[in-house]
């Protein structure tokens, strides 16, 4: 089935913004990729910045929804981190173009558009922050720099969008599990059964 014009514009924008960047993508490029005239393109996209911001917001909303579903009813901070890391890795591996746009192009947005995108990004990252904070409070994580560690873990997972291939050594489930193990080590995760006040190896 042929894609509707609006879908073609959206698909073309995702591909071009991800590969060329926002400033490297012209209106003629978008029109050509979407098989539309430059004049008719605006009927389906508004401004180029509005199209970029819409792509970012949709990607982040989907990620927030998936994260909340994955965490529903889960209290253990370790398990919450495992699920967040696994979801983040899977999303970046399966939607590399959309996630690269979110990760790399926020700075090109005007202040008003940027605020709405950053608000969604912060809402998502608060789920990570709360899991780490709870783990520290319960003595199951041991890091003196939780905020920096959170950023480092997110950046580690973001990189999957740049290099993952389904033809690689690990399938997505294995990759997610490995990254979750790295994340727990980065947080100094205390083994199950270890409680506040006990030393490692006791």
Protein backbone atom coordinates (compact mmCIF):
# COMPACT_ATOMS: atom_id res chain seq x y z
CA UNK A 1 0.00 0.00 0.00
CA UNK A 2 1.34 3.43 -0.95
CA UNK A 3 2.08 5.78 1.91
CA UNK A 4 -0.05 8.89 2.30
CA UNK A 5 1.72 12.16 1.55
CA UNK A 6 1.97 13.13 5.21
CA UNK A 7 3.55 9.78 6.06
CA UNK A 8 6.04 10.16 3.22
CA UNK A 9 7.03 13.60 4.50
CA UNK A 10 7.49 12.26 8.03
CA UNK A 11 9.54 9.27 6.87
CA UNK A 12 11.71 11.44 4.62
CA UNK A 13 12.29 13.92 7.43
CA UNK A 14 13.35 11.21 9.88
CA UNK A 15 15.86 9.80 7.43
CA UNK A 16 17.30 13.17 6.38
CA UNK A 17 17.43 14.74 9.85
CA UNK A 18 19.15 11.63 11.19
CA UNK A 19 21.77 11.46 8.43
CA UNK A 20 22.30 15.12 7.47
CA UNK A 21 21.10 16.96 10.55
CA UNK A 22 18.44 19.67 10.69
CA UNK A 23 20.57 22.43 9.19
CA UNK A 24 21.92 20.11 6.52
CA UNK A 25 18.42 19.28 5.29
CA UNK A 26 16.77 21.74 2.94
CA UNK A 27 13.13 22.07 1.96
CA UNK A 28 13.96 20.89 -1.55
CA UNK A 29 15.66 17.82 -0.07
CA UNK A 30 12.53 16.98 1.91
CA UNK A 31 10.25 17.57 -1.05
CA UNK A 32 12.37 15.41 -3.32
CA UNK A 33 12.57 12.56 -0.79
CA UNK A 34 8.81 12.72 -0.16
CA UNK A 35 8.06 12.93 -3.91
CA UNK A 36 6.22 16.23 -3.52
CA UNK A 37 6.68 19.73 -4.82
CA UNK A 38 8.28 22.27 -2.50
CA UNK A 39 5.10 24.34 -2.62
CA UNK A 40 2.85 21.48 -1.51
CA UNK A 41 5.25 20.27 1.19
CA UNK A 42 4.11 22.88 3.73
CA UNK A 43 0.56 21.57 3.54
CA UNK A 44 1.77 18.40 5.26
CA UNK A 45 4.43 19.66 7.66
CA UNK A 46 4.06 23.27 8.71
CA UNK A 47 7.57 24.61 9.21
CA UNK A 48 10.68 22.47 9.14
CA UNK A 49 11.25 23.16 12.84
CA UNK A 50 7.69 22.13 13.71
CA UNK A 51 8.27 18.86 11.89
CA UNK A 52 11.51 18.26 13.77
CA UNK A 53 9.94 19.04 17.15
CA UNK A 54 6.95 16.78 16.41
CA UNK A 55 9.27 13.88 15.60
CA UNK A 56 11.14 14.43 18.86
CA UNK A 57 8.02 14.75 20.99
CA UNK A 58 6.41 11.65 19.51
CA UNK A 59 9.55 9.60 20.10
CA UNK A 60 9.86 10.77 23.70
CA UNK A 61 6.16 10.25 24.48
CA UNK A 62 6.37 6.69 23.17
CA UNK A 63 9.46 6.10 25.29
CA UNK A 64 7.79 7.49 28.43
CA UNK A 65 4.71 5.33 27.87
CA UNK A 66 6.80 2.21 27.34
CA UNK A 67 8.94 2.98 30.41
CA UNK A 68 5.93 3.49 32.67
CA UNK A 69 4.44 0.22 31.44
CA UNK A 70 7.71 -1.60 32.03
CA UNK A 71 8.01 -0.22 35.57
CA UNK A 72 4.37 -0.69 36.57
CA UNK A 73 4.27 -2.45 39.94
CA UNK A 74 8.06 -2.93 40.12
CA UNK A 75 9.54 -1.78 43.43
CA UNK A 76 13.06 -3.25 43.36
CA UNK A 77 15.47 -0.51 42.20
CA UNK A 78 17.76 -3.07 40.56
CA UNK A 79 14.92 -4.47 38.47
CA UNK A 80 13.75 -0.97 37.55
CA UNK A 81 17.22 -0.08 36.28
CA UNK A 82 17.42 -3.35 34.37
CA UNK A 83 14.09 -2.64 32.69
CA UNK A 84 14.95 0.97 31.89
CA UNK A 85 18.31 0.05 30.40
CA UNK A 86 16.83 -2.82 28.39
CA UNK A 87 14.07 -0.59 27.02
CA UNK A 88 16.49 2.23 26.17
CA UNK A 89 18.85 -0.13 24.36
CA UNK A 90 16.02 -1.82 22.47
CA UNK A 91 14.49 1.50 21.43
CA UNK A 92 17.80 2.90 20.19
CA UNK A 93 18.58 -0.31 18.32
CA UNK A 94 15.16 -0.61 16.67
CA UNK A 95 14.60 3.13 16.01
CA UNK A 96 18.12 4.45 15.43
CA UNK A 97 17.11 7.37 13.24
CA UNK A 98 14.40 8.76 15.53
CA UNK A 99 16.50 8.38 18.65
CA UNK A 100 19.56 9.96 17.01
CA UNK A 101 17.42 12.97 16.17
CA UNK A 102 16.25 13.31 19.78
CA UNK A 103 19.76 12.84 21.14
CA UNK A 104 21.55 15.13 18.69
CA UNK A 105 19.24 17.88 17.44
CA UNK A 106 17.65 19.49 20.50
CA UNK A 107 20.15 22.34 20.37
CA UNK A 108 18.87 23.53 16.97
CA UNK A 109 15.33 24.20 18.25
CA UNK A 110 14.12 27.67 19.13
CA UNK A 111 13.55 28.28 22.86
CA UNK A 112 9.79 27.63 22.80
CA UNK A 113 10.07 24.37 20.88
CA UNK A 114 13.08 23.30 22.93
CA UNK A 115 11.22 23.73 26.22
CA UNK A 116 8.50 21.26 25.28
CA UNK A 117 11.00 18.66 24.11
CA UNK A 118 13.25 19.07 27.15
CA UNK A 119 10.23 18.77 29.46
CA UNK A 120 9.48 15.34 27.97
CA UNK A 121 13.11 14.29 28.12
CA UNK A 122 13.28 15.34 31.78
CA UNK A 123 10.07 13.43 32.55
CA UNK A 124 11.67 10.29 31.14
CA UNK A 125 14.99 10.81 32.90
CA UNK A 126 13.20 11.28 36.23
CA UNK A 127 12.26 7.60 36.05
CA UNK A 128 15.97 6.77 35.94
CA UNK A 129 16.77 9.27 38.67
CA UNK A 130 14.09 7.88 40.98
CA UNK A 131 15.25 4.29 40.51
CA UNK A 132 18.83 5.29 41.31
CA UNK A 133 17.77 7.45 44.27
CA UNK A 134 15.69 4.63 45.72
CA UNK A 135 18.55 2.18 45.23
CA UNK A 136 20.92 4.47 47.11
CA UNK A 137 18.40 4.96 49.92
CA UNK A 138 17.97 1.20 50.26
CA UNK A 139 21.70 0.55 50.17
CA UNK A 140 21.61 -1.53 47.00
CA UNK A 141 23.53 1.02 44.89
CA UNK A 142 26.89 2.44 45.91
CA UNK A 143 27.86 5.51 43.87
CA UNK A 144 28.99 8.88 45.14
CA UNK A 145 27.96 10.58 41.89
CA UNK A 146 24.43 9.43 41.04
CA UNK A 147 23.63 12.25 38.60
CA UNK A 148 26.86 11.82 36.66
CA UNK A 149 26.41 8.04 36.66
CA UNK A 150 22.88 8.41 35.29
CA UNK A 151 24.11 10.62 32.46
CA UNK A 152 26.94 8.21 31.71
CA UNK A 153 24.55 5.25 31.54
CA UNK A 154 22.16 7.09 29.23
CA UNK A 155 25.02 8.11 26.95
CA UNK A 156 26.26 4.52 26.88
CA UNK A 157 22.83 3.30 25.80
CA UNK A 158 22.35 6.14 23.31
CA UNK A 159 25.41 4.96 21.43
CA UNK A 160 23.61 1.76 20.41
CA UNK A 161 21.77 3.77 17.74
CA UNK A 162 25.08 4.49 16.01
CA UNK A 163 26.53 0.99 15.79
CA UNK A 164 24.00 -1.76 16.47
CA UNK A 165 23.32 -4.22 13.66
CA UNK A 166 20.93 -7.20 13.82
CA UNK A 167 23.69 -9.12 12.03
CA UNK A 168 26.05 -8.56 14.95
CA UNK A 169 27.24 -10.96 17.61
CA UNK A 170 24.40 -10.39 20.08
CA UNK A 171 20.65 -10.41 19.61
CA UNK A 172 18.70 -7.54 21.17
CA UNK A 173 17.77 -9.50 24.29
CA UNK A 174 21.41 -10.44 24.90
CA UNK A 175 22.57 -6.89 24.21
CA UNK A 176 20.01 -5.44 26.62
CA UNK A 177 20.98 -7.92 29.32
CA UNK A 178 24.68 -7.12 28.89
CA UNK A 179 24.07 -3.37 29.08
CA UNK A 180 21.91 -3.87 32.16
CA UNK A 181 24.79 -5.75 33.80
CA UNK A 182 27.17 -2.91 32.93
CA UNK A 183 24.71 -0.38 34.35
CA UNK A 184 24.38 -2.23 37.66
CA UNK A 185 28.16 -2.43 37.94
CA UNK A 186 28.42 1.27 37.18
CA UNK A 187 26.01 1.95 40.02
CA UNK A 188 28.02 -0.26 42.36
CA UNK A 189 25.01 -2.53 42.74
CA UNK A 190 25.08 -4.50 45.95
CA UNK A 191 24.42 -8.21 45.40
CA UNK A 192 20.95 -9.46 46.33
CA UNK A 193 20.78 -9.94 50.06
CA UNK A 194 23.31 -7.20 50.83
CA UNK A 195 21.78 -4.50 53.06
CA UNK A 196 22.78 -1.10 54.37
CA UNK A 197 25.66 -1.29 56.78
CA UNK A 198 27.19 -4.50 55.42
CA UNK A 199 30.47 -4.46 53.57
CA UNK A 200 31.20 -6.13 50.28
CA UNK A 201 32.28 -9.72 50.81
CA UNK A 202 30.72 -10.06 54.26
